[in-house]
Every structure is written in structure tokens, then in C-alpha cells.
């Protein structure tokens, strides 16, 4: 908790020290303000798979184990309370699927400031088809890092495979860890290190098309085409303590949130240079060849008429010479 308070104080002092122009990011705009006073420490953010323009979020440690569905006007539309779950240090949220392919939300209880927990947890709940307050059962997955305990604030799910990733936070250098292809509830799932990441990663998310993922820190976000393959970066608006990020449905912008009461979620476009490297190039289909015969055969009748005209002229010229 001390490190989190220190980071928040540093971010606030940085905002005060910089001129207003330094806080502006080209193309950035406030997408929504979280109006619910219960959302005072928004730490995770996920775009709904069922409800257009709805964002799911949760508080950091200290709140009950609940998720908030926030509409485009900033009002809370539903609250899901996870039955029998303790919110020890909730840090991240991701949208994925359950075992039957239905939309689900995954909550990462993965914070560990001191790096001492032998294992951490991720909870899966179904995303409701209708929004309303409810208490829901949760499936718990126990996770352990293959190389020892780590602090983490970023949970990502690849929409193509539904595979889970965790990005750790370490001033000496963080790492991206991959979970087994199939999570199990009857044993601890071991996370394997697959790539380096920036030191202070506070959240991350895959693009909905699955072709890229984004990681953020307090000042910027980084675009990856694959683990270890960074293809771009973008500046983020200065926030009180920027801890969350998700990607818009069209995979062209990020939504970046922050802790603090009535916090703002900013929409920031992804750089075109990065999009070009993670979006397949589309080429127009080749034009269909003109038919060789038949009515409406394009240029073919004109070609035949032209050849006939040339022959007539040649024959006429030859006949005229003979007369002379």
C-alpha cells in the first residue's frame, strides 16, 4: 500500500509541475466520467462483450468483491457481487469466455506489493445478458509463477484462444507470463515467463480482433503484435493514478482509466503506424476479365468492328491502285 500511495503522490506532483499544454495528447478525449461514489479506486477496466458501450470496472483493495457496469453517461447500470470471494488485492479485469464459449469476466486478484504470496487468484463470472444488481457464483483459478512470487496489475485474455496472460510490475524490469491453454480448478496453474515488458505496467488488454495487445504504465501505452514484439507506443493523458486500460470495439483506440473519485476514462487513438503493422492489408479483388463473346461483351464488339474497318480501308486502297 505504501508503494501505491507513493506512486499516486508522485503522479499528482507531476501533474502540478507540468504546464497544461504538456498534459494534452493529440486526439484524446474524455469518453466517460465514473459518477458512482462507490467507485473511488477504479483499478481494472474491461469492455462488455454483451452490451455495447458498457464498461466493467472494480475498486482496488478495500472494497467488497463486486464489479460495476458503467454506461456511456457514466452511471452505474448494474453491480455484480461475487459470492464467497475475498477482494484481497484486486488489480485487473479482462473479458473472455467460459467453458461453453459464453461471455465471461475474469477478475485478477494478483496484487502483491511485497512479492511474498506463494500463489494468486483469478475469478471468473458469467457476464449477464441483462444488466441488474445480482450476487453471482464465481469460479476460482489458482495461479503460481514458475520463477517465484511477483507483483502484478495487468491481466489479459487473447480473444482467439481465451488464453490468459499476466504482466508483472517490477522496477528492475517486468515480464509477461502465459497461463496453460486450459485453466484447471483442481490444481494450481503455473504461469510461464514468455517476454520482457516495461518495468511499471499497471494494466493491459488485447484488441478485440486479437491481432495485438496493449500494456500501459502511468504515462504511456505500448502496442505489441506478439509477446516481445513491440510495434508502437502512445502518450496517455496525465491522470491521478492511471491504472486501467482496455481497447475499443473497433480495435483502433484505447480507453484509459484512473483511480480516484469521479475519475475520467480517456479515449486515445492508437498510432496509425502501429495499426498498419497489426492489421492485415486489404487489396481490392482483381477485375473480372471481359467476356470473349456474347451480347454485352464489353470491348470485344468494338475491337471486331475496328479490325473490320481497317480491312475495308486496306481493300479499298489496293483496288484504287489497280485502277491506276
C-alpha atoms as a PDB file:
ATOM      1  CA  UNK A   1       0.000   0.000   0.000  1.00  0.00           C
ATOM      2  CA  UNK A   2       2.886   2.374   0.728  1.00  0.00           C
ATOM      3  CA  UNK A   3       4.275   1.961  -2.778  1.00  0.00           C
ATOM      4  CA  UNK A   4       0.817   2.632  -4.243  1.00  0.00           C
ATOM      5  CA  UNK A   5       0.401   5.824  -2.200  1.00  0.00           C
ATOM      6  CA  UNK A   6       3.887   6.959  -3.184  1.00  0.00           C
ATOM      7  CA  UNK A   7       3.117   6.397  -6.852  1.00  0.00           C
ATOM      8  CA  UNK A   8      -0.145   8.336  -6.563  1.00  0.00           C
ATOM      9  CA  UNK A   9       1.609  11.243  -4.841  1.00  0.00           C
ATOM     10  CA  UNK A  10       4.334  11.285  -7.489  1.00  0.00           C
ATOM     11  CA  UNK A  11       1.746  11.324 -10.275  1.00  0.00           C
ATOM     12  CA  UNK A  12      -0.168  14.174  -8.637  1.00  0.00           C
ATOM     13  CA  UNK A  13       3.005  16.229  -8.148  1.00  0.00           C
ATOM     14  CA  UNK A  14       3.986  15.600 -11.763  1.00  0.00           C
ATOM     15  CA  UNK A  15       0.612  16.922 -12.965  1.00  0.00           C
ATOM     16  CA  UNK A  16       1.085  20.079 -10.912  1.00  0.00           C
ATOM     17  CA  UNK A  17       4.644  20.603 -12.092  1.00  0.00           C
ATOM     18  CA  UNK A  18       3.913  20.322 -15.813  1.00  0.00           C
ATOM     19  CA  UNK A  19       2.244  23.089 -17.805  1.00  0.00           C
ATOM     20  CA  UNK A  20      -1.266  22.467 -19.126  1.00  0.00           C
ATOM     21  CA  UNK A  21      -0.004  22.023 -22.689  1.00  0.00           C
ATOM     22  CA  UNK A  22       2.165  19.100 -21.581  1.00  0.00           C
ATOM     23  CA  UNK A  23      -0.953  17.313 -20.330  1.00  0.00           C
ATOM     24  CA  UNK A  24      -2.648  17.406 -23.732  1.00  0.00           C
ATOM     25  CA  UNK A  25      -2.486  14.383 -26.008  1.00  0.00           C
ATOM     26  CA  UNK A  26      -3.414  14.717 -29.661  1.00  0.00           C
ATOM     27  CA  UNK A  27      -6.748  13.109 -30.461  1.00  0.00           C
ATOM     28  CA  UNK A  28      -7.506  12.248 -26.816  1.00  0.00           C
ATOM     29  CA  UNK A  29     -10.929  12.983 -25.350  1.00  0.00           C
ATOM     30  CA  UNK A  30     -12.847  12.094 -22.216  1.00  0.00           C
ATOM     31  CA  UNK A  31     -15.094   9.139 -23.053  1.00  0.00           C
ATOM     32  CA  UNK A  32     -16.874   8.859 -19.708  1.00  0.00           C
ATOM     33  CA  UNK A  33     -16.665  10.012 -16.106  1.00  0.00           C
ATOM     34  CA  UNK A  34     -17.319   7.413 -13.398  1.00  0.00           C
ATOM     35  CA  UNK A  35     -20.034   9.131 -11.355  1.00  0.00           C
ATOM     36  CA  UNK A  36     -20.767   6.399  -8.792  1.00  0.00           C
ATOM     37  CA  UNK A  37     -19.233   7.444  -5.419  1.00  0.00           C
ATOM     38  CA  UNK A  38     -18.672   3.752  -4.664  1.00  0.00           C
ATOM     39  CA  UNK A  39     -16.107   3.653  -7.495  1.00  0.00           C
ATOM     40  CA  UNK A  40     -13.349   5.558  -5.741  1.00  0.00           C
ATOM     41  CA  UNK A  41     -10.324   3.489  -6.746  1.00  0.00           C
ATOM     42  CA  UNK A  42     -11.009   2.070 -10.229  1.00  0.00           C
ATOM     43  CA  UNK A  43      -8.206  -0.374 -10.892  1.00  0.00           C
ATOM     44  CA  UNK A  44      -9.425  -2.588 -13.740  1.00  0.00           C
ATOM     45  CA  UNK A  45     -11.379  -1.922 -16.915  1.00  0.00           C
ATOM     46  CA  UNK A  46     -12.993  -4.214 -19.485  1.00  0.00           C
ATOM     47  CA  UNK A  47     -15.301  -3.553 -22.416  1.00  0.00           C
ATOM     48  CA  UNK A  48     -18.508  -5.579 -22.290  1.00  0.00           C
ATOM     49  CA  UNK A  49     -18.906  -8.409 -24.808  1.00  0.00           C
ATOM     50  CA  UNK A  50     -22.702  -8.344 -24.473  1.00  0.00           C
ATOM     51  CA  UNK A  51     -23.688  -4.697 -24.036  1.00  0.00           C
ATOM     52  CA  UNK A  52     -22.430  -2.013 -26.453  1.00  0.00           C
ATOM     53  CA  UNK A  53     -20.639   0.966 -24.852  1.00  0.00           C
ATOM     54  CA  UNK A  54     -20.769  -0.622 -21.371  1.00  0.00           C
ATOM     55  CA  UNK A  55     -17.591  -0.759 -19.307  1.00  0.00           C
ATOM     56  CA  UNK A  56     -16.938  -3.047 -16.361  1.00  0.00           C
ATOM     57  CA  UNK A  57     -14.696  -1.864 -13.535  1.00  0.00           C
ATOM     58  CA  UNK A  58     -13.849  -2.577  -9.892  1.00  0.00           C
ATOM     59  CA  UNK A  59     -12.064  -0.981  -6.983  1.00  0.00           C
ATOM     60  CA  UNK A  60      -8.639  -1.844  -5.679  1.00  0.00           C
ATOM     61  CA  UNK A  61      -8.266  -3.495  -2.260  1.00  0.00           C
ATOM     62  CA  UNK A  62     -10.650  -2.336   0.461  1.00  0.00           C
ATOM     63  CA  UNK A  63     -13.961  -2.761  -1.355  1.00  0.00           C
ATOM     64  CA  UNK A  64     -16.380  -5.653  -1.362  1.00  0.00           C
ATOM     65  CA  UNK A  65     -15.870  -8.265  -4.118  1.00  0.00           C
ATOM     66  CA  UNK A  66     -18.032  -6.526  -6.709  1.00  0.00           C
ATOM     67  CA  UNK A  67     -17.986  -5.402 -10.311  1.00  0.00           C
ATOM     68  CA  UNK A  68     -19.670  -2.301 -11.674  1.00  0.00           C
ATOM     69  CA  UNK A  69     -21.220  -1.975 -15.136  1.00  0.00           C
ATOM     70  CA  UNK A  70     -20.960   1.655 -16.252  1.00  0.00           C
ATOM     71  CA  UNK A  71     -22.927   3.095 -19.160  1.00  0.00           C
ATOM     72  CA  UNK A  72     -21.870   5.724 -21.688  1.00  0.00           C
ATOM     73  CA  UNK A  73     -23.257   8.517 -19.467  1.00  0.00           C
ATOM     74  CA  UNK A  74     -21.123   7.461 -16.517  1.00  0.00           C
ATOM     75  CA  UNK A  75     -23.929   5.992 -14.431  1.00  0.00           C
ATOM     76  CA  UNK A  76     -23.707   2.535 -12.880  1.00  0.00           C
ATOM     77  CA  UNK A  77     -26.165   0.194 -14.592  1.00  0.00           C
ATOM     78  CA  UNK A  78     -25.503  -2.953 -12.565  1.00  0.00           C
ATOM     79  CA  UNK A  79     -23.435  -4.285  -9.683  1.00  0.00           C
ATOM     80  CA  UNK A  80     -22.285  -7.898  -9.551  1.00  0.00           C
ATOM     81  CA  UNK A  81     -21.208  -9.226  -6.161  1.00  0.00           C
ATOM     82  CA  UNK A  82     -19.055 -12.357  -6.246  1.00  0.00           C
ATOM     83  CA  UNK A  83     -20.380 -14.856  -3.714  1.00  0.00           C
ATOM     84  CA  UNK A  84     -17.871 -16.279  -1.226  1.00  0.00           C
ATOM     85  CA  UNK A  85     -14.936 -14.272  -2.616  1.00  0.00           C
ATOM     86  CA  UNK A  86     -12.490 -12.007  -0.798  1.00  0.00           C
ATOM     87  CA  UNK A  87     -11.164  -8.964  -2.656  1.00  0.00           C
ATOM     88  CA  UNK A  88      -7.654  -9.187  -1.219  1.00  0.00           C
ATOM     89  CA  UNK A  89      -5.853  -7.050  -3.817  1.00  0.00           C
ATOM     90  CA  UNK A  90      -7.919  -6.845  -6.988  1.00  0.00           C
ATOM     91  CA  UNK A  91      -5.853  -5.189  -9.690  1.00  0.00           C
ATOM     92  CA  UNK A  92      -7.147  -6.166 -13.127  1.00  0.00           C
ATOM     93  CA  UNK A  93     -10.155  -7.185 -15.169  1.00  0.00           C
ATOM     94  CA  UNK A  94     -10.476  -8.864 -18.575  1.00  0.00           C
ATOM     95  CA  UNK A  95     -13.304 -10.067 -20.806  1.00  0.00           C
ATOM     96  CA  UNK A  96     -13.191 -13.639 -22.064  1.00  0.00           C
ATOM     97  CA  UNK A  97     -15.335 -16.754 -22.381  1.00  0.00           C
ATOM     98  CA  UNK A  98     -16.405 -19.569 -20.100  1.00  0.00           C
ATOM     99  CA  UNK A  99     -16.018 -23.288 -20.861  1.00  0.00           C
ATOM    100  CA  UNK A 100     -19.084 -23.191 -23.092  1.00  0.00           C
ATOM    101  CA  UNK A 101     -17.965 -20.152 -25.057  1.00  0.00           C
ATOM    102  CA  UNK A 102     -20.288 -17.664 -23.361  1.00  0.00           C
ATOM    103  CA  UNK A 103     -19.084 -14.141 -22.449  1.00  0.00           C
ATOM    104  CA  UNK A 104     -17.425 -14.041 -19.044  1.00  0.00           C
ATOM    105  CA  UNK A 105     -15.454 -11.624 -16.884  1.00  0.00           C
ATOM    106  CA  UNK A 106     -12.119 -12.534 -15.274  1.00  0.00           C
ATOM    107  CA  UNK A 107     -11.014 -10.634 -12.157  1.00  0.00           C
ATOM    108  CA  UNK A 108      -7.347 -10.674 -11.236  1.00  0.00           C
ATOM    109  CA  UNK A 109      -6.597 -10.796  -7.512  1.00  0.00           C
ATOM    110  CA  UNK A 110      -2.930 -10.568  -8.470  1.00  0.00           C
ATOM    111  CA  UNK A 111      -1.544  -7.640  -6.497  1.00  0.00           C
ATOM    112  CA  UNK A 112       1.431  -8.479  -4.267  1.00  0.00           C
ATOM    113  CA  UNK A 113       3.381  -5.344  -3.360  1.00  0.00           C
ATOM    114  CA  UNK A 114       5.916  -7.242  -1.281  1.00  0.00           C
ATOM    115  CA  UNK A 115       6.212 -10.223  -3.638  1.00  0.00           C
ATOM    116  CA  UNK A 116       5.532 -12.780  -0.915  1.00  0.00           C
ATOM    117  CA  UNK A 117       2.329 -14.582  -1.869  1.00  0.00           C
ATOM    118  CA  UNK A 118       3.019 -18.195  -2.955  1.00  0.00           C
ATOM    119  CA  UNK A 119       0.020 -18.046  -5.280  1.00  0.00           C
ATOM    120  CA  UNK A 120      -2.589 -15.586  -6.559  1.00  0.00           C
ATOM    121  CA  UNK A 121      -6.125 -15.986  -7.873  1.00  0.00           C
ATOM    122  CA  UNK A 122      -8.278 -15.172 -10.869  1.00  0.00           C
ATOM    123  CA  UNK A 123     -12.061 -15.352 -10.577  1.00  0.00           C
ATOM    124  CA  UNK A 124     -14.412 -15.983 -13.499  1.00  0.00           C
ATOM    125  CA  UNK A 125     -18.052 -14.932 -13.522  1.00  0.00           C
ATOM    126  CA  UNK A 126     -20.587 -15.018 -16.363  1.00  0.00           C
ATOM    127  CA  UNK A 127     -21.393 -11.691 -17.942  1.00  0.00           C
ATOM    128  CA  UNK A 128     -25.156 -11.287 -17.552  1.00  0.00           C
ATOM    129  CA  UNK A 129     -27.364 -10.995 -20.621  1.00  0.00           C
ATOM    130  CA  UNK A 130     -29.494  -8.462 -18.744  1.00  0.00           C
ATOM    131  CA  UNK A 131     -27.967  -5.765 -16.581  1.00  0.00           C
ATOM    132  CA  UNK A 132     -29.128  -5.611 -12.978  1.00  0.00           C
ATOM    133  CA  UNK A 133     -27.765  -5.958  -9.452  1.00  0.00           C
ATOM    134  CA  UNK A 134     -27.055  -9.575  -8.564  1.00  0.00           C
ATOM    135  CA  UNK A 135     -24.941 -11.888  -6.457  1.00  0.00           C
ATOM    136  CA  UNK A 136     -23.247 -14.460  -8.672  1.00  0.00           C
ATOM    137  CA  UNK A 137     -21.130 -17.581  -8.118  1.00  0.00           C
ATOM    138  CA  UNK A 138     -17.503 -17.396  -9.194  1.00  0.00           C
ATOM    139  CA  UNK A 139     -15.042 -19.964 -10.472  1.00  0.00           C
ATOM    140  CA  UNK A 140     -11.630 -19.610  -8.853  1.00  0.00           C
ATOM    141  CA  UNK A 141      -8.356 -20.360 -10.631  1.00  0.00           C
ATOM    142  CA  UNK A 142      -5.202 -20.531  -8.505  1.00  0.00           C
ATOM    143  CA  UNK A 143      -2.039 -19.301 -10.223  1.00  0.00           C
ATOM    144  CA  UNK A 144       1.649 -19.607  -9.388  1.00  0.00           C
ATOM    145  CA  UNK A 145       4.658 -18.121 -11.183  1.00  0.00           C
ATOM    146  CA  UNK A 146       7.210 -20.691 -12.283  1.00  0.00           C
ATOM    147  CA  UNK A 147      10.090 -18.495 -11.076  1.00  0.00           C
ATOM    148  CA  UNK A 148       8.788 -17.190  -7.757  1.00  0.00           C
ATOM    149  CA  UNK A 149       6.284 -14.670  -6.411  1.00  0.00           C
ATOM    150  CA  UNK A 150       5.649 -11.472  -8.340  1.00  0.00           C
ATOM    151  CA  UNK A 151       3.601  -8.293  -8.052  1.00  0.00           C
ATOM    152  CA  UNK A 152       1.227  -7.715 -10.961  1.00  0.00           C
ATOM    153  CA  UNK A 153      -1.526  -5.352 -12.057  1.00  0.00           C
ATOM    154  CA  UNK A 154      -2.222  -6.487 -15.636  1.00  0.00           C
ATOM    155  CA  UNK A 155      -4.432  -9.368 -16.741  1.00  0.00           C
ATOM    156  CA  UNK A 156      -5.006 -10.061 -20.451  1.00  0.00           C
ATOM    157  CA  UNK A 157      -7.033 -12.650 -22.362  1.00  0.00           C
ATOM    158  CA  UNK A 158      -6.400 -13.474 -26.006  1.00  0.00           C
ATOM    159  CA  UNK A 159      -9.886 -13.434 -27.619  1.00  0.00           C
ATOM    160  CA  UNK A 160      -8.847 -16.013 -30.210  1.00  0.00           C
ATOM    161  CA  UNK A 161      -7.716 -18.720 -27.800  1.00  0.00           C
ATOM    162  CA  UNK A 162      -9.192 -17.458 -24.490  1.00  0.00           C
ATOM    163  CA  UNK A 163      -5.699 -17.882 -23.057  1.00  0.00           C
ATOM    164  CA  UNK A 164      -4.770 -15.850 -20.010  1.00  0.00           C
ATOM    165  CA  UNK A 165      -1.653 -13.674 -19.608  1.00  0.00           C
ATOM    166  CA  UNK A 166      -0.283 -11.704 -16.650  1.00  0.00           C
ATOM    167  CA  UNK A 167       2.190  -8.820 -16.901  1.00  0.00           C
ATOM    168  CA  UNK A 168       4.214  -8.265 -13.754  1.00  0.00           C
ATOM    169  CA  UNK A 169       5.357  -4.965 -12.255  1.00  0.00           C
ATOM    170  CA  UNK A 170       8.993  -4.588 -11.194  1.00  0.00           C
ATOM    171  CA  UNK A 171      11.242  -1.522 -11.306  1.00  0.00           C
ATOM    172  CA  UNK A 172      14.082  -3.828 -12.322  1.00  0.00           C
ATOM    173  CA  UNK A 173      12.040  -4.996 -15.319  1.00  0.00           C
ATOM    174  CA  UNK A 174       8.677  -6.712 -15.607  1.00  0.00           C
ATOM    175  CA  UNK A 175       7.716  -9.797 -17.571  1.00  0.00           C
ATOM    176  CA  UNK A 176       4.792 -11.271 -19.453  1.00  0.00           C
ATOM    177  CA  UNK A 177       3.627 -14.664 -18.197  1.00  0.00           C
ATOM    178  CA  UNK A 178       1.377 -17.131 -20.010  1.00  0.00           C
ATOM    179  CA  UNK A 179      -1.078 -19.471 -18.317  1.00  0.00           C
ATOM    180  CA  UNK A 180      -1.757 -23.016 -19.518  1.00  0.00           C
ATOM    181  CA  UNK A 181      -4.047 -23.262 -22.524  1.00  0.00           C
ATOM    182  CA  UNK A 182      -6.735 -24.737 -20.286  1.00  0.00           C
ATOM    183  CA  UNK A 183      -7.129 -23.465 -16.731  1.00  0.00           C
ATOM    184  CA  UNK A 184      -7.965 -26.032 -14.084  1.00  0.00           C
ATOM    185  CA  UNK A 185      -9.771 -25.608 -10.790  1.00  0.00           C
ATOM    186  CA  UNK A 186      -8.469 -28.776  -9.139  1.00  0.00           C
ATOM    187  CA  UNK A 187      -4.813 -27.726  -9.057  1.00  0.00           C
ATOM    188  CA  UNK A 188      -2.546 -24.685  -9.205  1.00  0.00           C
ATOM    189  CA  UNK A 189      -1.971 -23.354 -12.722  1.00  0.00           C
ATOM    190  CA  UNK A 190       1.680 -22.474 -13.381  1.00  0.00           C
ATOM    191  CA  UNK A 191       2.482 -19.230 -15.211  1.00  0.00           C
ATOM    192  CA  UNK A 192       5.460 -19.392 -17.578  1.00  0.00           C
ATOM    193  CA  UNK A 193       7.544 -16.338 -18.485  1.00  0.00           C
ATOM    194  CA  UNK A 194       7.446 -15.554 -22.223  1.00  0.00           C
ATOM    195  CA  UNK A 195       8.741 -11.989 -22.704  1.00  0.00           C
ATOM    196  CA  UNK A 196      10.038  -8.806 -21.114  1.00  0.00           C
ATOM    197  CA  UNK A 197       7.737  -5.830 -20.534  1.00  0.00           C
ATOM    198  CA  UNK A 198       8.249  -2.265 -19.245  1.00  0.00           C
ATOM    199  CA  UNK A 199       9.010  -2.011 -15.511  1.00  0.00           C
ATOM    200  CA  UNK A 200       5.822  -0.362 -14.216  1.00  0.00           C
ATOM    201  CA  UNK A 201       2.948  -1.997 -16.111  1.00  0.00           C
ATOM    202  CA  UNK A 202      -0.365  -1.063 -14.470  1.00  0.00           C
ATOM    203  CA  UNK A 203      -2.727  -2.806 -16.892  1.00  0.00           C
ATOM    204  CA  UNK A 204      -3.080  -4.365 -20.327  1.00  0.00           C
ATOM    205  CA  UNK A 205      -5.595  -5.646 -22.846  1.00  0.00           C
ATOM    206  CA  UNK A 206      -5.821  -7.446 -26.163  1.00  0.00           C
ATOM    207  CA  UNK A 207      -7.520  -5.793 -29.099  1.00  0.00           C
ATOM    208  CA  UNK A 208     -10.945  -7.371 -29.765  1.00  0.00           C
ATOM    209  CA  UNK A 209      -9.667  -8.755 -33.085  1.00  0.00           C
ATOM    210  CA  UNK A 210      -6.833 -10.477 -31.211  1.00  0.00           C
ATOM    211  CA  UNK A 211      -4.096  -9.200 -33.523  1.00  0.00           C
ATOM    212  CA  UNK A 212      -2.346  -7.073 -30.898  1.00  0.00           C
ATOM    213  CA  UNK A 213      -2.268  -6.211 -27.224  1.00  0.00           C
ATOM    214  CA  UNK A 214      -1.550  -3.044 -25.283  1.00  0.00           C
ATOM    215  CA  UNK A 215       0.279  -2.510 -21.982  1.00  0.00           C
ATOM    216  CA  UNK A 216       0.281   0.754 -20.049  1.00  0.00           C
ATOM    217  CA  UNK A 217       2.185   2.499 -17.291  1.00  0.00           C
ATOM    218  CA  UNK A 218       1.427   5.832 -15.632  1.00  0.00           C
ATOM    219  CA  UNK A 219       2.370   7.943 -18.657  1.00  0.00           C
ATOM    220  CA  UNK A 220       2.253   5.874 -21.847  1.00  0.00           C
ATOM    221  CA  UNK A 221       0.943   2.741 -23.529  1.00  0.00           C
ATOM    222  CA  UNK A 222       2.836   0.232 -25.671  1.00  0.00           C
ATOM    223  CA  UNK A 223       1.462  -1.778 -28.581  1.00  0.00           C
ATOM    224  CA  UNK A 224       2.624  -5.349 -29.215  1.00  0.00           C
ATOM    225  CA  UNK A 225       1.947  -7.590 -32.190  1.00  0.00           C
ATOM    226  CA  UNK A 226       3.145 -10.607 -30.175  1.00  0.00           C
ATOM    227  CA  UNK A 227       4.983 -11.222 -26.890  1.00  0.00           C
ATOM    228  CA  UNK A 228       8.327  -9.444 -27.098  1.00  0.00           C
ATOM    229  CA  UNK A 229       7.479  -7.715 -30.392  1.00  0.00           C
ATOM    230  CA  UNK A 230       6.638  -4.065 -29.726  1.00  0.00           C
ATOM    231  CA  UNK A 231       5.321  -2.187 -32.766  1.00  0.00           C
ATOM    232  CA  UNK A 232       4.453   1.204 -31.332  1.00  0.00           C
ATOM    233  CA  UNK A 233       3.708   3.403 -28.349  1.00  0.00           C
ATOM    234  CA  UNK A 234       1.461   6.314 -27.473  1.00  0.00           C
ATOM    235  CA  UNK A 235       1.366   9.004 -24.842  1.00  0.00           C
ATOM    236  CA  UNK A 236      -1.531   8.948 -22.386  1.00  0.00           C
ATOM    237  CA  UNK A 237      -3.180  11.934 -20.694  1.00  0.00           C
ATOM    238  CA  UNK A 238      -1.820  12.577 -17.227  1.00  0.00           C
ATOM    239  CA  UNK A 239      -4.114  11.073 -14.612  1.00  0.00           C
ATOM    240  CA  UNK A 240      -4.175  10.963 -10.832  1.00  0.00           C
ATOM    241  CA  UNK A 241      -3.040   7.329 -10.940  1.00  0.00           C
ATOM    242  CA  UNK A 242      -3.555   5.701 -14.315  1.00  0.00           C
ATOM    243  CA  UNK A 243      -4.163   2.042 -13.544  1.00  0.00           C
ATOM    244  CA  UNK A 244      -6.502   0.645 -16.181  1.00  0.00           C
ATOM    245  CA  UNK A 245      -6.805   0.235 -19.918  1.00  0.00           C
ATOM    246  CA  UNK A 246      -8.952  -1.567 -22.470  1.00  0.00           C
ATOM    247  CA  UNK A 247      -9.361  -1.364 -26.243  1.00  0.00           C
ATOM    248  CA  UNK A 248     -12.406  -0.114 -28.148  1.00  0.00           C
ATOM    249  CA  UNK A 249     -14.572  -2.487 -30.169  1.00  0.00           C
ATOM    250  CA  UNK A 250     -13.055  -1.341 -33.481  1.00  0.00           C
ATOM    251  CA  UNK A 251      -9.503  -2.052 -32.195  1.00  0.00           C
ATOM    252  CA  UNK A 252      -8.408   1.480 -33.127  1.00  0.00           C
ATOM    253  CA  UNK A 253      -8.354   3.275 -29.756  1.00  0.00           C
ATOM    254  CA  UNK A 254      -7.697   2.617 -26.081  1.00  0.00           C
ATOM    255  CA  UNK A 255      -9.783   3.597 -23.088  1.00  0.00           C
ATOM    256  CA  UNK A 256      -7.536   4.609 -20.202  1.00  0.00           C
ATOM    257  CA  UNK A 257      -8.867   4.933 -16.668  1.00  0.00           C
ATOM    258  CA  UNK A 258      -7.553   6.106 -13.333  1.00  0.00           C
ATOM    259  CA  UNK A 259      -8.050   5.692  -9.619  1.00  0.00           C
ATOM    260  CA  UNK A 260      -9.689   8.481  -7.647  1.00  0.00           C
ATOM    261  CA  UNK A 261     -13.292   9.625  -7.076  1.00  0.00           C
ATOM    262  CA  UNK A 262     -15.272  10.626 -10.189  1.00  0.00           C
ATOM    263  CA  UNK A 263     -12.312   9.613 -12.336  1.00  0.00           C
ATOM    264  CA  UNK A 264     -12.274  10.100 -16.089  1.00  0.00           C
ATOM    265  CA  UNK A 265     -11.836   7.427 -18.732  1.00  0.00           C
ATOM    266  CA  UNK A 266      -9.981   8.819 -21.744  1.00  0.00           C
ATOM    267  CA  UNK A 267     -10.283   7.624 -25.326  1.00  0.00           C
ATOM    268  CA  UNK A 268      -6.915   7.815 -27.096  1.00  0.00           C
ATOM    269  CA  UNK A 269      -6.382   6.715 -30.729  1.00  0.00           C
ATOM    270  CA  UNK A 270      -3.758   4.090 -31.430  1.00  0.00           C
ATOM    271  CA  UNK A 271      -0.987   5.340 -33.752  1.00  0.00           C
ATOM    272  CA  UNK A 272      -1.595   4.608 -37.425  1.00  0.00           C
ATOM    273  CA  UNK A 273       1.952   3.286 -37.768  1.00  0.00           C
ATOM    274  CA  UNK A 274       1.224   0.597 -35.174  1.00  0.00           C
ATOM    275  CA  UNK A 275      -2.191  -0.217 -36.622  1.00  0.00           C
ATOM    276  CA  UNK A 276      -0.621  -0.750 -40.035  1.00  0.00           C
ATOM    277  CA  UNK A 277       1.656  -3.415 -38.578  1.00  0.00           C
ATOM    278  CA  UNK A 278      -1.057  -5.376 -36.801  1.00  0.00           C
ATOM    279  CA  UNK A 279      -3.928  -5.013 -39.289  1.00  0.00           C
ATOM    280  CA  UNK A 280      -3.914  -7.182 -42.426  1.00  0.00           C
ATOM    281  CA  UNK A 281      -3.584  -5.266 -45.679  1.00  0.00           C
ATOM    282  CA  UNK A 282      -6.740  -5.430 -47.739  1.00  0.00           C
ATOM    283  CA  UNK A 283      -6.417  -5.350 -51.510  1.00  0.00           C
ATOM    284  CA  UNK A 284      -9.307  -4.827 -53.958  1.00  0.00           C
ATOM    285  CA  UNK A 285     -10.245  -8.021 -55.794  1.00  0.00           C
ATOM    286  CA  UNK A 286      -8.931  -8.244 -59.361  1.00  0.00           C
ATOM    287  CA  UNK A 287     -11.317  -7.062 -62.045  1.00  0.00           C
ATOM    288  CA  UNK A 288     -13.214  -9.824 -63.816  1.00  0.00           C
ATOM    289  CA  UNK A 289     -11.961 -10.418 -67.388  1.00  0.00           C
ATOM    290  CA  UNK A 290     -14.232  -9.184 -70.144  1.00  0.00           C
ATOM    291  CA  UNK A 291     -16.207 -11.969 -71.818  1.00  0.00           C
ATOM    292  CA  UNK A 292     -14.896 -13.007 -75.215  1.00  0.00           C
ATOM    293  CA  UNK A 293     -18.281 -13.482 -76.885  1.00  0.00           C
ATOM    294  CA  UNK A 294     -21.951 -12.843 -76.397  1.00  0.00           C
ATOM    295  CA  UNK A 295     -24.121  -9.800 -76.022  1.00  0.00           C
ATOM    296  CA  UNK A 296     -22.828  -7.030 -73.854  1.00  0.00           C
ATOM    297  CA  UNK A 297     -19.320  -8.404 -74.287  1.00  0.00           C
ATOM    298  CA  UNK A 298     -17.621  -5.185 -73.208  1.00  0.00           C
ATOM    299  CA  UNK A 299     -14.877  -4.032 -75.587  1.00  0.00           C
ATOM    300  CA  UNK A 300     -14.940  -7.134 -77.810  1.00  0.00           C
ATOM    301  CA  UNK A 301     -17.570  -5.875 -80.377  1.00  0.00           C
ATOM    302  CA  UNK A 302     -15.686  -2.597 -80.723  1.00  0.00           C
ATOM    303  CA  UNK A 303     -12.451  -4.467 -81.372  1.00  0.00           C
ATOM    304  CA  UNK A 304     -14.082  -6.589 -84.076  1.00  0.00           C
ATOM    305  CA  UNK A 305     -15.619  -3.518 -85.718  1.00  0.00           C
ATOM    306  CA  UNK A 306     -12.268  -1.736 -85.668  1.00  0.00           C
ATOM    307  CA  UNK A 307     -10.492  -4.632 -87.317  1.00  0.00           C
ATOM    308  CA  UNK A 308     -13.224  -4.848 -89.993  1.00  0.00           C
ATOM    309  CA  UNK A 309     -12.921  -1.127 -90.718  1.00  0.00           C
ATOM    310  CA  UNK A 310      -9.154  -1.419 -91.167  1.00  0.00           C
ATOM    311  CA  UNK A 311      -9.644  -4.311 -93.593  1.00  0.00           C
ATOM    312  CA  UNK A 312     -12.154  -2.293 -95.624  1.00  0.00           C
ATOM    313  CA  UNK A 313      -9.741   0.605 -95.888  1.00  0.00           C
ATOM    314  CA  UNK A 314      -6.875  -1.684 -96.962  1.00  0.00           C
ATOM    315  CA  UNK A 315      -9.021  -3.399 -99.613  1.00  0.00           C
ATOM    316  CA  UNK A 316     -10.226  -0.047-100.948  1.00  0.00           C
ATOM    317  CA  UNK A 317      -6.657   1.258-101.179  1.00  0.00           C
ATOM    318  CA  UNK A 318      -5.489  -1.838-103.079  1.00  0.00           C
ATOM    319  CA  UNK A 319      -8.406  -1.572-105.530  1.00  0.00           C
ATOM    320  CA  UNK A 320      -7.683   2.100-106.178  1.00  0.00           C
ATOM    321  CA  UNK A 321      -4.021   1.356-107.013  1.00  0.00           C
ATOM    322  CA  UNK A 322      -5.019  -1.325-109.534  1.00  0.00           C
ATOM    323  CA  UNK A 323      -7.325   1.122-111.324  1.00  0.00           C
ATOM    324  CA  UNK A 324      -4.399   3.497-111.760  1.00  0.00           C
END
